[in-house]
Amino acid sequence: MKRVFAVLALILLAVAGGIYALGSTESDKYITLRATFRMGGAVYKGYQLEGDTLVFKFERNGDFFTQAMEVKEFTTDEKLSPKKVVMEVSTNGEIRRYEAKLVKEEEDRLIYGASEL
């Protein structure tokens, strides 16, 4: 009788582990950032994970930038599940970070928006 309970317990643990593993991979999605810039010249440098934070990086160099609002979209090339999304803009070495907010959720993609305004 004890063996039956032990076998049932092992089966239940295996099933629970399988459900957890499937659920955690299904929650991964492509992440899109809709970035709004207060001036032109921002060049996309890629993204990186810093712990559970996804950071989209941009850089501006120079003395003069157009004073026109720009909106650009960038999407990860892999599925991720960050807890937080951030836009980082470096202007001539001065780094500023802007927290992105979830705008829309699609089947395999989460769309976030961040703004320098």
PDB file of N, CA and C in Angstrom:
ATOM      1  N   MET A   1       0.823  -1.187   0.000  1.00  0.00           N
ATOM      2  CA  MET A   1       0.000   0.000   0.000  1.00  0.00           C
ATOM      3  C   MET A   1       0.878   1.267   0.000  1.00  0.00           C
ATOM      4  N   LYS A   2       1.959   1.218   0.786  1.00  0.00           N
ATOM      5  CA  LYS A   2       2.866   2.366   0.830  1.00  0.00           C
ATOM      6  C   LYS A   2       3.510   2.599  -0.534  1.00  0.00           C
ATOM      7  N   ARG A   3       3.802   1.508  -1.240  1.00  0.00           N
ATOM      8  CA  ARG A   3       4.406   1.641  -2.567  1.00  0.00           C
ATOM      9  C   ARG A   3       3.439   2.294  -3.549  1.00  0.00           C
ATOM     10  N   VAL A   4       2.189   1.977  -3.446  1.00  0.00           N
ATOM     11  CA  VAL A   4       1.187   2.566  -4.323  1.00  0.00           C
ATOM     12  C   VAL A   4       1.128   4.067  -4.105  1.00  0.00           C
ATOM     13  N   PHE A   5       1.109   4.492  -2.860  1.00  0.00           N
ATOM     14  CA  PHE A   5       1.094   5.926  -2.549  1.00  0.00           C
ATOM     15  C   PHE A   5       2.372   6.617  -3.015  1.00  0.00           C
ATOM     16  N   ALA A   6       3.502   5.946  -2.859  1.00  0.00           N
ATOM     17  CA  ALA A   6       4.771   6.516  -3.310  1.00  0.00           C
ATOM     18  C   ALA A   6       4.779   6.687  -4.823  1.00  0.00           C
ATOM     19  N   VAL A   7       4.281   5.674  -5.547  1.00  0.00           N
ATOM     20  CA  VAL A   7       4.227   5.746  -7.003  1.00  0.00           C
ATOM     21  C   VAL A   7       3.264   6.849  -7.438  1.00  0.00           C
ATOM     22  N   LEU A   8       2.097   6.935  -6.809  1.00  0.00           N
ATOM     23  CA  LEU A   8       1.134   7.999  -7.119  1.00  0.00           C
ATOM     24  C   LEU A   8       1.729   9.382  -6.842  1.00  0.00           C
ATOM     25  N   ALA A   9       2.447   9.514  -5.751  1.00  0.00           N
ATOM     26  CA  ALA A   9       3.070  10.793  -5.417  1.00  0.00           C
ATOM     27  C   ALA A   9       4.096  11.181  -6.479  1.00  0.00           C
ATOM     28  N   LEU A  10       4.893  10.222  -6.925  1.00  0.00           N
ATOM     29  CA  LEU A  10       5.885  10.496  -7.965  1.00  0.00           C
ATOM     30  C   LEU A  10       5.214  10.885  -9.277  1.00  0.00           C
ATOM     31  N   ILE A  11       4.135  10.215  -9.631  1.00  0.00           N
ATOM     32  CA  ILE A  11       3.411  10.540 -10.865  1.00  0.00           C
ATOM     33  C   ILE A  11       2.844  11.950 -10.783  1.00  0.00           C
ATOM     34  N   LEU A  12       2.238  12.282  -9.637  1.00  0.00           N
ATOM     35  CA  LEU A  12       1.688  13.628  -9.450  1.00  0.00           C
ATOM     36  C   LEU A  12       2.777  14.696  -9.534  1.00  0.00           C
ATOM     37  N   LEU A  13       3.932  14.434  -8.944  1.00  0.00           N
ATOM     38  CA  LEU A  13       5.053  15.385  -9.025  1.00  0.00           C
ATOM     39  C   LEU A  13       5.529  15.554 -10.458  1.00  0.00           C
ATOM     40  N   ALA A  14       5.608  14.458 -11.204  1.00  0.00           N
ATOM     41  CA  ALA A  14       6.048  14.527 -12.603  1.00  0.00           C
ATOM     42  C   ALA A  14       5.046  15.316 -13.440  1.00  0.00           C
ATOM     43  N   VAL A  15       3.759  15.081 -13.224  1.00  0.00           N
ATOM     44  CA  VAL A  15       2.728  15.808 -13.975  1.00  0.00           C
ATOM     45  C   VAL A  15       2.781  17.295 -13.625  1.00  0.00           C
ATOM     46  N   ALA A  16       2.893  17.618 -12.343  1.00  0.00           N
ATOM     47  CA  ALA A  16       2.962  19.025 -11.920  1.00  0.00           C
ATOM     48  C   ALA A  16       4.193  19.700 -12.515  1.00  0.00           C
ATOM     49  N   GLY A  17       5.322  19.022 -12.524  1.00  0.00           N
ATOM     50  CA  GLY A  17       6.540  19.586 -13.118  1.00  0.00           C
ATOM     51  C   GLY A  17       6.386  19.827 -14.603  1.00  0.00           C
ATOM     52  N   GLY A  18       5.744  18.892 -15.304  1.00  0.00           N
ATOM     53  CA  GLY A  18       5.504  19.058 -16.742  1.00  0.00           C
ATOM     54  C   GLY A  18       4.590  20.229 -17.033  1.00  0.00           C
ATOM     55  N   ILE A  19       3.530  20.364 -16.237  1.00  0.00           N
ATOM     56  CA  ILE A  19       2.616  21.494 -16.418  1.00  0.00           C
ATOM     57  C   ILE A  19       3.334  22.805 -16.167  1.00  0.00           C
ATOM     58  N   TYR A  20       4.155  22.860 -15.131  1.00  0.00           N
ATOM     59  CA  TYR A  20       4.912  24.089 -14.838  1.00  0.00           C
ATOM     60  C   TYR A  20       5.861  24.419 -15.981  1.00  0.00           C
ATOM     61  N   ALA A  21       6.569  23.419 -16.485  1.00  0.00           N
ATOM     62  CA  ALA A  21       7.532  23.667 -17.571  1.00  0.00           C
ATOM     63  C   ALA A  21       6.827  24.159 -18.827  1.00  0.00           C
ATOM     64  N   LEU A  22       5.709  23.557 -19.178  1.00  0.00           N
ATOM     65  CA  LEU A  22       4.963  24.004 -20.358  1.00  0.00           C
ATOM     66  C   LEU A  22       4.402  25.405 -20.157  1.00  0.00           C
ATOM     67  N   GLY A  23       3.892  25.676 -18.996  1.00  0.00           N
ATOM     68  CA  GLY A  23       3.317  26.995 -18.717  1.00  0.00           C
ATOM     69  C   GLY A  23       4.355  28.085 -18.741  1.00  0.00           C
ATOM     70  N   SER A  24       5.558  27.823 -18.259  1.00  0.00           N
ATOM     71  CA  SER A  24       6.576  28.869 -18.220  1.00  0.00           C
ATOM     72  C   SER A  24       7.111  29.187 -19.605  1.00  0.00           C
ATOM     73  N   THR A  25       7.195  28.210 -20.506  1.00  0.00           N
ATOM     74  CA  THR A  25       7.683  28.513 -21.851  1.00  0.00           C
ATOM     75  C   THR A  25       6.608  29.177 -22.685  1.00  0.00           C
ATOM     76  N   GLU A  26       5.341  28.874 -22.428  1.00  0.00           N
ATOM     77  CA  GLU A  26       4.269  29.487 -23.196  1.00  0.00           C
ATOM     78  C   GLU A  26       4.084  30.957 -22.840  1.00  0.00           C
ATOM     79  N   SER A  27       4.551  31.377 -21.667  1.00  0.00           N
ATOM     80  CA  SER A  27       4.379  32.773 -21.283  1.00  0.00           C
ATOM     81  C   SER A  27       5.412  33.676 -21.963  1.00  0.00           C
ATOM     82  N   ASP A  28       6.450  33.095 -22.549  1.00  0.00           N
ATOM     83  CA  ASP A  28       7.438  33.886 -23.264  1.00  0.00           C
ATOM     84  C   ASP A  28       6.821  34.427 -24.550  1.00  0.00           C
ATOM     85  N   LYS A  29       7.075  35.699 -24.830  1.00  0.00           N
ATOM     86  CA  LYS A  29       6.552  36.336 -26.040  1.00  0.00           C
ATOM     87  C   LYS A  29       7.603  37.278 -26.595  1.00  0.00           C
ATOM     88  N   TYR A  30       7.433  37.633 -27.864  1.00  0.00           N
ATOM     89  CA  TYR A  30       8.278  38.674 -28.436  1.00  0.00           C
ATOM     90  C   TYR A  30       7.879  39.989 -27.778  1.00  0.00           C
ATOM     91  N   ILE A  31       8.846  40.845 -27.546  1.00  0.00           N
ATOM     92  CA  ILE A  31       8.589  42.136 -26.903  1.00  0.00           C
ATOM     93  C   ILE A  31       8.857  43.232 -27.922  1.00  0.00           C
ATOM     94  N   THR A  32       7.867  44.109 -28.111  1.00  0.00           N
ATOM     95  CA  THR A  32       8.007  45.249 -29.004  1.00  0.00           C
ATOM     96  C   THR A  32       7.989  46.521 -28.168  1.00  0.00           C
ATOM     97  N   LEU A  33       8.911  47.433 -28.463  1.00  0.00           N
ATOM     98  CA  LEU A  33       8.937  48.738 -27.813  1.00  0.00           C
ATOM     99  C   LEU A  33       8.561  49.799 -28.834  1.00  0.00           C
ATOM    100  N   ARG A  34       7.532  50.594 -28.527  1.00  0.00           N
ATOM    101  CA  ARG A  34       7.200  51.791 -29.305  1.00  0.00           C
ATOM    102  C   ARG A  34       7.856  52.951 -28.576  1.00  0.00           C
ATOM    103  N   ALA A  35       8.946  53.417 -29.122  1.00  0.00           N
ATOM    104  CA  ALA A  35       9.757  54.449 -28.480  1.00  0.00           C
ATOM    105  C   ALA A  35       9.435  55.813 -29.072  1.00  0.00           C
ATOM    106  N   THR A  36       9.111  56.763 -28.214  1.00  0.00           N
ATOM    107  CA  THR A  36       8.863  58.139 -28.656  1.00  0.00           C
ATOM    108  C   THR A  36      10.025  59.001 -28.178  1.00  0.00           C
ATOM    109  N   PHE A  37      10.671  59.663 -29.127  1.00  0.00           N
ATOM    110  CA  PHE A  37      11.827  60.502 -28.821  1.00  0.00           C
ATOM    111  C   PHE A  37      11.443  61.965 -28.990  1.00  0.00           C
ATOM    112  N   ARG A  38      11.980  62.829 -28.132  1.00  0.00           N
ATOM    113  CA  ARG A  38      11.672  64.267 -28.214  1.00  0.00           C
ATOM    114  C   ARG A  38      12.540  64.983 -29.234  1.00  0.00           C
ATOM    115  N   MET A  39      13.597  64.308 -29.683  1.00  0.00           N
ATOM    116  CA  MET A  39      14.441  64.869 -30.741  1.00  0.00           C
ATOM    117  C   MET A  39      15.042  63.725 -31.541  1.00  0.00           C
ATOM    118  N   GLY A  40      15.427  64.016 -32.768  1.00  0.00           N
ATOM    119  CA  GLY A  40      15.949  62.998 -33.663  1.00  0.00           C
ATOM    120  C   GLY A  40      17.364  62.579 -33.336  1.00  0.00           C
ATOM    121  N   GLY A  41      17.869  61.660 -34.108  1.00  0.00           N
ATOM    122  CA  GLY A  41      19.257  61.241 -33.989  1.00  0.00           C
ATOM    123  C   GLY A  41      19.498  60.028 -33.118  1.00  0.00           C
ATOM    124  N   ALA A  42      18.454  59.463 -32.516  1.00  0.00           N
ATOM    125  CA  ALA A  42      18.646  58.295 -31.654  1.00  0.00           C
ATOM    126  C   ALA A  42      18.871  57.054 -32.518  1.00  0.00           C
ATOM    127  N   VAL A  43      19.960  56.350 -32.254  1.00  0.00           N
ATOM    128  CA  VAL A  43      20.330  55.148 -32.999  1.00  0.00           C
ATOM    129  C   VAL A  43      20.122  53.943 -32.090  1.00  0.00           C
ATOM    130  N   TYR A  44      19.408  52.940 -32.590  1.00  0.00           N
ATOM    131  CA  TYR A  44      19.131  51.731 -31.831  1.00  0.00           C
ATOM    132  C   TYR A  44      20.402  50.899 -31.698  1.00  0.00           C
ATOM    133  N   LYS A  45      20.756  50.529 -30.476  1.00  0.00           N
ATOM    134  CA  LYS A  45      21.969  49.754 -30.220  1.00  0.00           C
ATOM    135  C   LYS A  45      21.679  48.321 -29.779  1.00  0.00           C
ATOM    136  N   GLY A  46      20.388  47.949 -29.730  1.00  0.00           N
ATOM    137  CA  GLY A  46      20.039  46.587 -29.343  1.00  0.00           C
ATOM    138  C   GLY A  46      19.362  46.544 -27.986  1.00  0.00           C
ATOM    139  N   TYR A  47      19.176  45.343 -27.503  1.00  0.00           N
ATOM    140  CA  TYR A  47      18.547  45.160 -26.201  1.00  0.00           C
ATOM    141  C   TYR A  47      19.370  44.175 -25.391  1.00  0.00           C
ATOM    142  N   GLN A  48      19.150  44.215 -24.072  1.00  0.00           N
ATOM    143  CA  GLN A  48      19.823  43.249 -23.218  1.00  0.00           C
ATOM    144  C   GLN A  48      18.981  43.029 -21.969  1.00  0.00           C
ATOM    145  N   LEU A  49      19.095  41.835 -21.420  1.00  0.00           N
ATOM    146  CA  LEU A  49      18.416  41.517 -20.172  1.00  0.00           C
ATOM    147  C   LEU A  49      19.344  41.834 -19.019  1.00  0.00           C
ATOM    148  N   GLU A  50      18.838  42.589 -18.062  1.00  0.00           N
ATOM    149  CA  GLU A  50      19.563  42.881 -16.831  1.00  0.00           C
ATOM    150  C   GLU A  50      18.714  42.309 -15.701  1.00  0.00           C
ATOM    151  N   GLY A  51      19.009  41.074 -15.349  1.00  0.00           N
ATOM    152  CA  GLY A  51      18.166  40.372 -14.382  1.00  0.00           C
ATOM    153  C   GLY A  51      16.825  40.077 -15.025  1.00  0.00           C
ATOM    154  N   ASP A  52      15.737  40.587 -14.425  1.00  0.00           N
ATOM    155  CA  ASP A  52      14.406  40.384 -15.003  1.00  0.00           C
ATOM    156  C   ASP A  52      13.896  41.636 -15.713  1.00  0.00           C
ATOM    157  N   THR A  53      14.825  42.553 -16.045  1.00  0.00           N
ATOM    158  CA  THR A  53      14.482  43.786 -16.758  1.00  0.00           C
ATOM    159  C   THR A  53      15.048  43.744 -18.170  1.00  0.00           C
ATOM    160  N   LEU A  54      14.181  44.024 -19.151  1.00  0.00           N
ATOM    161  CA  LEU A  54      14.605  44.103 -20.547  1.00  0.00           C
ATOM    162  C   LEU A  54      14.889  45.563 -20.873  1.00  0.00           C
ATOM    163  N   VAL A  55      16.126  45.851 -21.320  1.00  0.00           N
ATOM    164  CA  VAL A  55      16.546  47.221 -21.607  1.00  0.00           C
ATOM    165  C   VAL A  55      16.789  47.375 -23.110  1.00  0.00           C
ATOM    166  N   PHE A  56      16.011  48.258 -23.748  1.00  0.00           N
ATOM    167  CA  PHE A  56      16.244  48.641 -25.137  1.00  0.00           C
ATOM    168  C   PHE A  56      17.181  49.846 -25.102  1.00  0.00           C
ATOM    169  N   LYS A  57      18.313  49.773 -25.810  1.00  0.00           N
ATOM    170  CA  LYS A  57      19.342  50.810 -25.717  1.00  0.00           C
ATOM    171  C   LYS A  57      19.415  51.656 -26.987  1.00  0.00           C
ATOM    172  N   PHE A  58      19.534  52.971 -26.771  1.00  0.00           N
ATOM    173  CA  PHE A  58      19.640  53.940 -27.862  1.00  0.00           C
ATOM    174  C   PHE A  58      20.771  54.900 -27.539  1.00  0.00           C
ATOM    175  N   GLU A  59      21.365  55.468 -28.612  1.00  0.00           N
ATOM    176  CA  GLU A  59      22.484  56.394 -28.422  1.00  0.00           C
ATOM    177  C   GLU A  59      22.361  57.558 -29.403  1.00  0.00           C
ATOM    178  N   ARG A  60      22.665  58.753 -28.894  1.00  0.00           N
ATOM    179  CA  ARG A  60      22.738  59.981 -29.712  1.00  0.00           C
ATOM    180  C   ARG A  60      24.100  60.608 -29.474  1.00  0.00           C
ATOM    181  N   ASN A  61      24.763  60.981 -30.546  1.00  0.00           N
ATOM    182  CA  ASN A  61      26.047  61.679 -30.419  1.00  0.00           C
ATOM    183  C   ASN A  61      26.031  62.892 -31.327  1.00  0.00           C
ATOM    184  N   GLY A  62      26.641  63.959 -30.877  1.00  0.00           N
ATOM    185  CA  GLY A  62      26.719  65.159 -31.692  1.00  0.00           C
ATOM    186  C   GLY A  62      26.310  66.398 -30.915  1.00  0.00           C
ATOM    187  N   ASP A  63      26.272  67.529 -31.625  1.00  0.00           N
ATOM    188  CA  ASP A  63      25.936  68.802 -30.993  1.00  0.00           C
ATOM    189  C   ASP A  63      24.543  69.286 -31.352  1.00  0.00           C
ATOM    190  N   PHE A  64      24.038  68.881 -32.507  1.00  0.00           N
ATOM    191  CA  PHE A  64      22.742  69.375 -32.962  1.00  0.00           C
ATOM    192  C   PHE A  64      21.840  68.195 -33.315  1.00  0.00           C
ATOM    193  N   PHE A  65      20.601  68.259 -32.841  1.00  0.00           N
ATOM    194  CA  PHE A  65      19.609  67.227 -33.129  1.00  0.00           C
ATOM    195  C   PHE A  65      18.330  67.907 -33.575  1.00  0.00           C
ATOM    196  N   THR A  66      17.647  67.290 -34.524  1.00  0.00           N
ATOM    197  CA  THR A  66      16.367  67.867 -34.967  1.00  0.00           C
ATOM    198  C   THR A  66      15.395  67.880 -33.791  1.00  0.00           C
ATOM    199  N   GLN A  67      14.625  68.939 -33.675  1.00  0.00           N
ATOM    200  CA  GLN A  67      13.674  69.068 -32.575  1.00  0.00           C
ATOM    201  C   GLN A  67      12.293  68.595 -33.018  1.00  0.00           C
ATOM    202  N   ALA A  68      12.246  67.417 -33.587  1.00  0.00           N
ATOM    203  CA  ALA A  68      10.988  66.839 -34.048  1.00  0.00           C
ATOM    204  C   ALA A  68      10.739  65.544 -33.294  1.00  0.00           C
ATOM    205  N   MET A  69       9.508  65.344 -32.894  1.00  0.00           N
ATOM    206  CA  MET A  69       9.143  64.118 -32.199  1.00  0.00           C
ATOM    207  C   MET A  69       9.207  62.949 -33.180  1.00  0.00           C
ATOM    208  N   GLU A  70       9.837  61.854 -32.749  1.00  0.00           N
ATOM    209  CA  GLU A  70       9.975  60.650 -33.569  1.00  0.00           C
ATOM    210  C   GLU A  70       9.411  59.462 -32.812  1.00  0.00           C
ATOM    211  N   VAL A  71       8.695  58.592 -33.524  1.00  0.00           N
ATOM    212  CA  VAL A  71       8.212  57.342 -32.931  1.00  0.00           C
ATOM    213  C   VAL A  71       8.776  56.196 -33.764  1.00  0.00           C
ATOM    214  N   LYS A  72       9.420  55.245 -33.080  1.00  0.00           N
ATOM    215  CA  LYS A  72      10.010  54.084 -33.755  1.00  0.00           C
ATOM    216  C   LYS A  72       9.634  52.824 -32.986  1.00  0.00           C
ATOM    217  N   GLU A  73       9.567  51.696 -33.692  1.00  0.00           N
ATOM    218  CA  GLU A  73       9.255  50.405 -33.071  1.00  0.00           C
ATOM    219  C   GLU A  73      10.419  49.446 -33.235  1.00  0.00           C
ATOM    220  N   PHE A  74      10.681  48.697 -32.165  1.00  0.00           N
ATOM    221  CA  PHE A  74      11.756  47.706 -32.167  1.00  0.00           C
ATOM    222  C   PHE A  74      11.242  46.454 -31.467  1.00  0.00           C
ATOM    223  N   THR A  75      11.554  45.276 -32.029  1.00  0.00           N
ATOM    224  CA  THR A  75      11.072  44.011 -31.480  1.00  0.00           C
ATOM    225  C   THR A  75      12.243  43.076 -31.222  1.00  0.00           C
ATOM    226  N   THR A  76      12.157  42.342 -30.128  1.00  0.00           N
ATOM    227  CA  THR A  76      13.197  41.356 -29.815  1.00  0.00           C
ATOM    228  C   THR A  76      13.171  40.240 -30.855  1.00  0.00           C
ATOM    229  N   ASP A  77      14.297  39.595 -31.056  1.00  0.00           N
ATOM    230  CA  ASP A  77      14.351  38.493 -32.008  1.00  0.00           C
ATOM    231  C   ASP A  77      14.197  37.141 -31.315  1.00  0.00           C
ATOM    232  N   GLU A  78      13.874  37.172 -30.031  1.00  0.00           N
ATOM    233  CA  GLU A  78      13.640  35.959 -29.266  1.00  0.00           C
ATOM    234  C   GLU A  78      12.473  36.197 -28.311  1.00  0.00           C
ATOM    235  N   LYS A  79      11.817  35.127 -27.909  1.00  0.00           N
ATOM    236  CA  LYS A  79      10.708  35.243 -26.966  1.00  0.00           C
ATOM    237  C   LYS A  79      11.261  35.353 -25.557  1.00  0.00           C
ATOM    238  N   LEU A  80      10.728  36.307 -24.804  1.00  0.00           N
ATOM    239  CA  LEU A  80      11.189  36.583 -23.449  1.00  0.00           C
ATOM    240  C   LEU A  80       9.992  36.780 -22.526  1.00  0.00           C
ATOM    241  N   SER A  81      10.254  36.816 -21.230  1.00  0.00           N
ATOM    242  CA  SER A  81       9.190  37.121 -20.263  1.00  0.00           C
ATOM    243  C   SER A  81       9.751  38.008 -19.149  1.00  0.00           C
ATOM    244  N   PRO A  82      10.138  39.246 -19.498  1.00  0.00           N
ATOM    245  CA  PRO A  82      10.685  40.144 -18.474  1.00  0.00           C
ATOM    246  C   PRO A  82       9.584  40.659 -17.544  1.00  0.00           C
ATOM    247  N   LYS A  83       9.983  41.036 -16.355  1.00  0.00           N
ATOM    248  CA  LYS A  83       9.029  41.637 -15.417  1.00  0.00           C
ATOM    249  C   LYS A  83       8.903  43.139 -15.661  1.00  0.00           C
ATOM    250  N   LYS A  84       9.934  43.713 -16.291  1.00  0.00           N
ATOM    251  CA  LYS A  84       9.962  45.165 -16.519  1.00  0.00           C
ATOM    252  C   LYS A  84      10.656  45.435 -17.850  1.00  0.00           C
ATOM    253  N   VAL A  85      10.187  46.481 -18.564  1.00  0.00           N
ATOM    254  CA  VAL A  85      10.806  46.888 -19.829  1.00  0.00           C
ATOM    255  C   VAL A  85      11.207  48.357 -19.691  1.00  0.00           C
ATOM    256  N   VAL A  86      12.428  48.675 -20.122  1.00  0.00           N
ATOM    257  CA  VAL A  86      12.991  50.013 -19.967  1.00  0.00           C
ATOM    258  C   VAL A  86      13.603  50.461 -21.289  1.00  0.00           C
ATOM    259  N   MET A  87      13.482  51.773 -21.577  1.00  0.00           N
ATOM    260  CA  MET A  87      14.164  52.385 -22.714  1.00  0.00           C
ATOM    261  C   MET A  87      15.312  53.213 -22.141  1.00  0.00           C
ATOM    262  N   GLU A  88      16.524  52.952 -22.617  1.00  0.00           N
ATOM    263  CA  GLU A  88      17.700  53.695 -22.160  1.00  0.00           C
ATOM    264  C   GLU A  88      18.227  54.533 -23.317  1.00  0.00           C
ATOM    265  N   VAL A  89      18.359  55.848 -23.087  1.00  0.00           N
ATOM    266  CA  VAL A  89      18.845  56.762 -24.116  1.00  0.00           C
ATOM    267  C   VAL A  89      20.117  57.437 -23.598  1.00  0.00           C
ATOM    268  N   SER A  90      21.201  57.261 -24.348  1.00  0.00           N
ATOM    269  CA  SER A  90      22.461  57.914 -24.019  1.00  0.00           C
ATOM    270  C   SER A  90      22.669  59.054 -25.014  1.00  0.00           C
ATOM    271  N   THR A  91      22.673  60.299 -24.519  1.00  0.00           N
ATOM    272  CA  THR A  91      22.909  61.460 -25.368  1.00  0.00           C
ATOM    273  C   THR A  91      24.254  62.048 -24.982  1.00  0.00           C
ATOM    274  N   ASN A  92      25.231  61.874 -25.863  1.00  0.00           N
ATOM    275  CA  ASN A  92      26.594  62.336 -25.610  1.00  0.00           C
ATOM    276  C   ASN A  92      27.107  61.853 -24.253  1.00  0.00           C
ATOM    277  N   GLY A  93      26.785  60.600 -23.909  1.00  0.00           N
ATOM    278  CA  GLY A  93      27.270  60.004 -22.673  1.00  0.00           C
ATOM    279  C   GLY A  93      26.346  60.181 -21.474  1.00  0.00           C
ATOM    280  N   GLU A  94      25.378  61.070 -21.551  1.00  0.00           N
ATOM    281  CA  GLU A  94      24.421  61.251 -20.445  1.00  0.00           C
ATOM    282  C   GLU A  94      23.294  60.241 -20.625  1.00  0.00           C
ATOM    283  N   ILE A  95      23.187  59.316 -19.678  1.00  0.00           N
ATOM    284  CA  ILE A  95      22.226  58.218 -19.803  1.00  0.00           C
ATOM    285  C   ILE A  95      20.964  58.520 -19.001  1.00  0.00           C
ATOM    286  N   ARG A  96      19.834  58.326 -19.680  1.00  0.00           N
ATOM    287  CA  ARG A  96      18.528  58.460 -19.024  1.00  0.00           C
ATOM    288  C   ARG A  96      17.722  57.214 -19.330  1.00  0.00           C
ATOM    289  N   ARG A  97      16.959  56.773 -18.329  1.00  0.00           N
ATOM    290  CA  ARG A  97      16.112  55.594 -18.481  1.00  0.00           C
ATOM    291  C   ARG A  97      14.652  55.980 -18.324  1.00  0.00           C
ATOM    292  N   TYR A  98      13.812  55.348 -19.147  1.00  0.00           N
ATOM    293  CA  TYR A  98      12.377  55.600 -19.127  1.00  0.00           C
ATOM    294  C   TYR A  98      11.663  54.253 -19.029  1.00  0.00           C
ATOM    295  N   GLU A  99      10.784  54.125 -18.043  1.00  0.00           N
ATOM    296  CA  GLU A  99      10.051  52.872 -17.878  1.00  0.00           C
ATOM    297  C   GLU A  99       8.973  52.759 -18.946  1.00  0.00           C
ATOM    298  N   ALA A 100       8.883  51.598 -19.545  1.00  0.00           N
ATOM    299  CA  ALA A 100       7.877  51.345 -20.581  1.00  0.00           C
ATOM    300  C   ALA A 100       6.637  50.728 -19.936  1.00  0.00           C
ATOM    301  N   LYS A 101       5.490  51.095 -20.470  1.00  0.00           N
ATOM    302  CA  LYS A 101       4.204  50.582 -19.987  1.00  0.00           C
ATOM    303  C   LYS A 101       3.601  49.664 -21.045  1.00  0.00           C
ATOM    304  N   LEU A 102       2.939  48.606 -20.588  1.00  0.00           N
ATOM    305  CA  LEU A 102       2.283  47.692 -21.513  1.00  0.00           C
ATOM    306  C   LEU A 102       1.137  48.408 -22.203  1.00  0.00           C
ATOM    307  N   VAL A 103       1.150  48.393 -23.550  1.00  0.00           N
ATOM    308  CA  VAL A 103       0.137  49.074 -24.356  1.00  0.00           C
ATOM    309  C   VAL A 103      -0.873  48.072 -24.910  1.00  0.00           C
ATOM    310  N   LYS A 104      -0.352  46.924 -25.379  1.00  0.00           N
ATOM    311  CA  LYS A 104      -1.227  45.963 -26.046  1.00  0.00           C
ATOM    312  C   LYS A 104      -0.623  44.574 -25.934  1.00  0.00           C
ATOM    313  N   GLU A 105      -1.501  43.586 -25.813  1.00  0.00           N
ATOM    314  CA  GLU A 105      -1.048  42.200 -25.770  1.00  0.00           C
ATOM    315  C   GLU A 105      -1.654  41.455 -26.942  1.00  0.00           C
ATOM    316  N   GLU A 106      -0.796  40.799 -27.716  1.00  0.00           N
ATOM    317  CA  GLU A 106      -1.227  39.990 -28.840  1.00  0.00           C
ATOM    318  C   GLU A 106      -0.888  38.539 -28.541  1.00  0.00           C
ATOM    319  N   GLU A 107      -1.232  37.648 -29.448  1.00  0.00           N
ATOM    320  CA  GLU A 107      -1.055  36.215 -29.222  1.00  0.00           C
ATOM    321  C   GLU A 107       0.383  35.846 -28.853  1.00  0.00           C
ATOM    322  N   ASP A 108       1.352  36.331 -29.620  1.00  0.00           N
ATOM    323  CA  ASP A 108       2.751  35.973 -29.353  1.00  0.00           C
ATOM    324  C   ASP A 108       3.639  37.195 -29.146  1.00  0.00           C
ATOM    325  N   ARG A 109       3.013  38.344 -28.836  1.00  0.00           N
ATOM    326  CA  ARG A 109       3.799  39.576 -28.717  1.00  0.00           C
ATOM    327  C   ARG A 109       3.172  40.512 -27.684  1.00  0.00           C
ATOM    328  N   LEU A 110       4.039  41.151 -26.909  1.00  0.00           N
ATOM    329  CA  LEU A 110       3.625  42.208 -25.982  1.00  0.00           C
ATOM    330  C   LEU A 110       4.176  43.520 -26.502  1.00  0.00           C
ATOM    331  N   ILE A 111       3.345  44.541 -26.565  1.00  0.00           N
ATOM    332  CA  ILE A 111       3.769  45.848 -27.073  1.00  0.00           C
ATOM    333  C   ILE A 111       3.816  46.831 -25.914  1.00  0.00           C
ATOM    334  N   TYR A 112       4.988  47.413 -25.720  1.00  0.00           N
ATOM    335  CA  TYR A 112       5.205  48.404 -24.663  1.00  0.00           C
ATOM    336  C   TYR A 112       5.450  49.765 -25.295  1.00  0.00           C
ATOM    337  N   GLY A 113       5.155  50.812 -24.554  1.00  0.00           N
ATOM    338  CA  GLY A 113       5.424  52.170 -25.010  1.00  0.00           C
ATOM    339  C   GLY A 113       6.253  52.917 -23.979  1.00  0.00           C
ATOM    340  N   ALA A 114       7.236  53.676 -24.460  1.00  0.00           N
ATOM    341  CA  ALA A 114       8.075  54.516 -23.598  1.00  0.00           C
ATOM    342  C   ALA A 114       8.326  55.822 -24.321  1.00  0.00           C
ATOM    343  N   SER A 115       8.473  56.907 -23.547  1.00  0.00           N
ATOM    344  CA  SER A 115       8.615  58.225 -24.156  1.00  0.00           C
ATOM    345  C   SER A 115       9.603  59.087 -23.398  1.00  0.00           C
ATOM    346  N   GLU A 116      10.343  59.894 -24.149  1.00  0.00           N
ATOM    347  CA  GLU A 116      11.231  60.899 -23.561  1.00  0.00           C
ATOM    348  C   GLU A 116      10.466  62.162 -23.188  1.00  0.00           C
ATOM    349  N   LEU A 117       9.237  62.298 -23.638  1.00  0.00           N
ATOM    350  CA  LEU A 117       8.482  63.543 -23.434  1.00  0.00           C
ATOM    351  C   LEU A 117       8.143  63.773 -21.983  1.00  0.00           C
TER     352      LEU A 117
END
